[in-house]
N, C-alpha and C. Protein backbone atom coordinates (compact mmCIF):
# COMPACT_ATOMS: atom_id res chain seq x y z
N MET A 1 -44.38 -54.66 56.84
CA MET A 1 -45.18 -53.45 56.70
C MET A 1 -44.48 -52.50 55.73
N PRO A 2 -45.21 -51.96 54.73
CA PRO A 2 -44.57 -51.08 53.76
C PRO A 2 -44.11 -49.77 54.40
N GLU A 3 -43.05 -49.23 53.85
CA GLU A 3 -42.51 -47.97 54.36
C GLU A 3 -43.46 -46.83 54.02
N VAL A 4 -43.56 -45.88 54.94
CA VAL A 4 -44.38 -44.69 54.72
C VAL A 4 -43.43 -43.56 54.37
N SER A 5 -43.41 -43.16 53.11
CA SER A 5 -42.49 -42.10 52.71
C SER A 5 -43.22 -40.78 52.46
N ARG A 6 -44.54 -40.85 52.32
CA ARG A 6 -45.32 -39.64 52.08
C ARG A 6 -46.58 -39.71 52.96
N PRO A 7 -47.12 -38.55 53.34
CA PRO A 7 -48.33 -38.57 54.17
C PRO A 7 -49.48 -39.36 53.56
N LEU A 8 -49.67 -39.26 52.25
CA LEU A 8 -50.78 -39.98 51.63
C LEU A 8 -50.58 -41.50 51.69
N ASP A 9 -49.30 -41.95 51.82
CA ASP A 9 -49.05 -43.38 51.99
C ASP A 9 -49.69 -43.88 53.29
N ALA A 10 -49.58 -43.08 54.34
CA ALA A 10 -50.17 -43.46 55.63
C ALA A 10 -51.69 -43.54 55.52
N LEU A 11 -52.29 -42.61 54.80
CA LEU A 11 -53.74 -42.66 54.62
C LEU A 11 -54.14 -43.87 53.78
N ASN A 12 -53.34 -44.18 52.76
CA ASN A 12 -53.63 -45.36 51.95
C ASN A 12 -53.64 -46.62 52.79
N ARG A 13 -52.71 -46.71 53.74
CA ARG A 13 -52.66 -47.89 54.61
C ARG A 13 -53.87 -47.96 55.53
N ALA A 14 -54.46 -46.80 55.84
CA ALA A 14 -55.62 -46.76 56.74
C ALA A 14 -56.94 -46.97 56.01
N ARG A 15 -56.91 -47.03 54.68
CA ARG A 15 -58.15 -47.20 53.90
C ARG A 15 -58.88 -48.47 54.33
N ASP A 16 -60.20 -48.35 54.49
CA ASP A 16 -61.07 -49.45 54.92
C ASP A 16 -60.85 -49.87 56.37
N LYS A 17 -60.09 -49.07 57.12
CA LYS A 17 -59.90 -49.34 58.54
C LYS A 17 -60.56 -48.22 59.35
N LYS A 18 -60.80 -48.50 60.62
CA LYS A 18 -61.44 -47.52 61.49
C LYS A 18 -60.44 -46.44 61.88
N VAL A 19 -60.82 -45.18 61.71
CA VAL A 19 -59.96 -44.04 62.06
C VAL A 19 -60.75 -43.06 62.91
N ILE A 20 -59.99 -42.24 63.64
CA ILE A 20 -60.54 -41.11 64.40
C ILE A 20 -60.14 -39.85 63.66
N VAL A 21 -61.10 -38.98 63.38
CA VAL A 21 -60.83 -37.71 62.71
C VAL A 21 -61.22 -36.59 63.67
N GLU A 22 -60.24 -35.74 64.01
CA GLU A 22 -60.51 -34.60 64.88
C GLU A 22 -60.48 -33.33 64.04
N LEU A 23 -61.41 -32.43 64.33
CA LEU A 23 -61.53 -31.19 63.57
C LEU A 23 -61.07 -29.99 64.37
N LYS A 24 -60.87 -28.88 63.67
CA LYS A 24 -60.46 -27.62 64.30
C LYS A 24 -61.45 -27.17 65.37
N ASN A 25 -62.73 -27.51 65.19
CA ASN A 25 -63.75 -27.10 66.17
C ASN A 25 -63.85 -28.10 67.31
N HIS A 26 -62.88 -29.03 67.40
CA HIS A 26 -62.76 -30.03 68.47
C HIS A 26 -63.81 -31.14 68.39
N LYS A 27 -64.57 -31.20 67.31
CA LYS A 27 -65.47 -32.34 67.13
C LYS A 27 -64.63 -33.55 66.72
N GLN A 28 -65.13 -34.73 67.03
CA GLN A 28 -64.40 -35.96 66.74
C GLN A 28 -65.36 -36.94 66.06
N TYR A 29 -64.88 -37.53 64.98
CA TYR A 29 -65.67 -38.51 64.23
C TYR A 29 -64.86 -39.80 64.12
N VAL A 30 -65.55 -40.93 64.26
CA VAL A 30 -64.93 -42.24 64.14
C VAL A 30 -65.68 -43.01 63.08
N GLY A 31 -64.95 -43.61 62.15
CA GLY A 31 -65.59 -44.40 61.10
C GLY A 31 -64.55 -45.07 60.23
N ASN A 32 -65.02 -45.86 59.27
CA ASN A 32 -64.13 -46.55 58.34
C ASN A 32 -63.76 -45.60 57.21
N LEU A 33 -62.46 -45.39 57.02
CA LEU A 33 -61.97 -44.49 55.97
C LEU A 33 -62.20 -45.15 54.62
N LYS A 34 -63.09 -44.57 53.81
CA LYS A 34 -63.40 -45.14 52.50
C LYS A 34 -62.56 -44.50 51.40
N SER A 35 -62.42 -43.18 51.45
CA SER A 35 -61.66 -42.52 50.39
C SER A 35 -61.18 -41.17 50.88
N PHE A 36 -60.21 -40.62 50.12
CA PHE A 36 -59.65 -39.30 50.40
C PHE A 36 -59.04 -38.78 49.11
N ASP A 37 -58.73 -37.48 49.10
CA ASP A 37 -58.07 -36.90 47.93
C ASP A 37 -56.84 -36.11 48.36
N ILE A 38 -56.21 -35.42 47.42
CA ILE A 38 -54.97 -34.71 47.74
C ILE A 38 -55.19 -33.55 48.71
N HIS A 39 -56.44 -33.11 48.87
CA HIS A 39 -56.75 -32.04 49.82
C HIS A 39 -57.09 -32.61 51.20
N ILE A 40 -56.99 -33.92 51.34
CA ILE A 40 -57.32 -34.66 52.56
C ILE A 40 -58.81 -34.53 52.90
N ASN A 41 -59.63 -34.22 51.90
CA ASN A 41 -61.07 -34.40 52.07
C ASN A 41 -61.26 -35.90 52.27
N VAL A 42 -62.09 -36.30 53.24
CA VAL A 42 -62.24 -37.72 53.51
C VAL A 42 -63.71 -38.12 53.52
N VAL A 43 -63.95 -39.39 53.19
CA VAL A 43 -65.28 -39.99 53.31
C VAL A 43 -65.16 -41.12 54.32
N LEU A 44 -66.02 -41.07 55.34
CA LEU A 44 -66.09 -42.12 56.35
C LEU A 44 -67.41 -42.86 56.21
N GLU A 45 -67.37 -44.18 56.41
CA GLU A 45 -68.59 -45.00 56.47
C GLU A 45 -68.81 -45.41 57.92
N ASN A 46 -70.06 -45.69 58.26
CA ASN A 46 -70.42 -46.10 59.62
C ASN A 46 -69.89 -45.08 60.64
N ALA A 47 -69.99 -43.81 60.28
CA ALA A 47 -69.41 -42.75 61.10
C ALA A 47 -70.27 -42.44 62.33
N GLU A 48 -69.57 -42.09 63.40
CA GLU A 48 -70.21 -41.66 64.63
C GLU A 48 -69.54 -40.37 65.09
N GLU A 49 -70.34 -39.46 65.61
CA GLU A 49 -69.79 -38.26 66.23
C GLU A 49 -69.60 -38.57 67.71
N ARG A 50 -68.40 -38.28 68.23
CA ARG A 50 -68.11 -38.55 69.63
C ARG A 50 -67.78 -37.26 70.36
N GLU A 51 -68.14 -37.23 71.63
CA GLU A 51 -67.82 -36.11 72.50
C GLU A 51 -67.42 -36.68 73.85
N ASP A 52 -66.24 -36.35 74.32
CA ASP A 52 -65.71 -36.89 75.58
C ASP A 52 -65.73 -38.42 75.57
N GLY A 53 -65.42 -39.02 74.42
CA GLY A 53 -65.35 -40.46 74.30
C GLY A 53 -66.67 -41.18 74.17
N GLU A 54 -67.78 -40.44 74.22
CA GLU A 54 -69.11 -41.06 74.13
C GLU A 54 -69.75 -40.75 72.78
N VAL A 55 -70.45 -41.73 72.24
CA VAL A 55 -71.14 -41.54 70.95
C VAL A 55 -72.30 -40.57 71.15
N LYS A 56 -72.28 -39.47 70.37
CA LYS A 56 -73.37 -38.49 70.42
C LYS A 56 -74.44 -38.82 69.39
N ARG A 57 -74.00 -39.23 68.20
CA ARG A 57 -74.97 -39.61 67.16
C ARG A 57 -74.28 -40.45 66.10
N LYS A 58 -75.08 -41.31 65.48
CA LYS A 58 -74.60 -42.15 64.38
C LYS A 58 -74.97 -41.45 63.08
N LEU A 59 -74.00 -41.35 62.17
CA LEU A 59 -74.20 -40.54 60.96
C LEU A 59 -74.17 -41.34 59.66
N GLY A 60 -73.66 -42.56 59.66
CA GLY A 60 -73.57 -43.32 58.42
C GLY A 60 -72.41 -42.85 57.58
N VAL A 61 -72.66 -42.51 56.31
CA VAL A 61 -71.61 -42.04 55.40
C VAL A 61 -71.51 -40.53 55.49
N ILE A 62 -70.29 -40.03 55.74
CA ILE A 62 -70.10 -38.57 55.82
C ILE A 62 -68.87 -38.16 55.01
N PHE A 63 -68.89 -36.92 54.56
CA PHE A 63 -67.78 -36.27 53.86
C PHE A 63 -67.26 -35.18 54.77
N ILE A 64 -65.95 -35.14 54.98
CA ILE A 64 -65.35 -34.09 55.82
C ILE A 64 -64.32 -33.34 54.99
N ARG A 65 -64.45 -32.02 54.96
CA ARG A 65 -63.50 -31.19 54.22
C ARG A 65 -62.13 -31.23 54.88
N GLY A 66 -61.12 -31.41 54.06
CA GLY A 66 -59.75 -31.52 54.57
C GLY A 66 -59.26 -30.31 55.33
N ASP A 67 -59.71 -29.11 54.95
CA ASP A 67 -59.20 -27.91 55.63
C ASP A 67 -59.78 -27.73 57.03
N THR A 68 -60.70 -28.62 57.45
CA THR A 68 -61.24 -28.55 58.81
C THR A 68 -60.59 -29.58 59.73
N ILE A 69 -59.77 -30.48 59.17
CA ILE A 69 -59.20 -31.60 59.93
C ILE A 69 -57.87 -31.20 60.55
N THR A 70 -57.70 -31.57 61.83
CA THR A 70 -56.40 -31.38 62.50
C THR A 70 -55.65 -32.71 62.66
N VAL A 71 -56.39 -33.81 62.89
CA VAL A 71 -55.75 -35.11 63.14
C VAL A 71 -56.58 -36.23 62.50
N ILE A 72 -55.87 -37.18 61.88
CA ILE A 72 -56.49 -38.45 61.46
C ILE A 72 -55.60 -39.53 62.07
N SER A 73 -56.23 -40.43 62.84
CA SER A 73 -55.47 -41.44 63.56
C SER A 73 -56.18 -42.79 63.51
N PRO A 74 -55.40 -43.88 63.42
CA PRO A 74 -56.05 -45.19 63.55
C PRO A 74 -56.68 -45.29 64.94
N GLU A 75 -57.84 -45.95 65.03
CA GLU A 75 -58.49 -46.04 66.34
C GLU A 75 -57.75 -47.01 67.23
């Protein structure tokens, strides 16, 4: 496994994998990480909005602004 020396390295390793994204407003989205930029703006495919672990709605492709994100984690 390659060494993670910078935060963006960790995101690069998660590309095309399923991730959980939590926002400042406590909303949670799960989807395949397609792309991101230096501001940690992210695009998820096959995204779902979850609340208390349950799927609330299926959203498809979504863009999330990096300044609203608190956590990005592999599922």
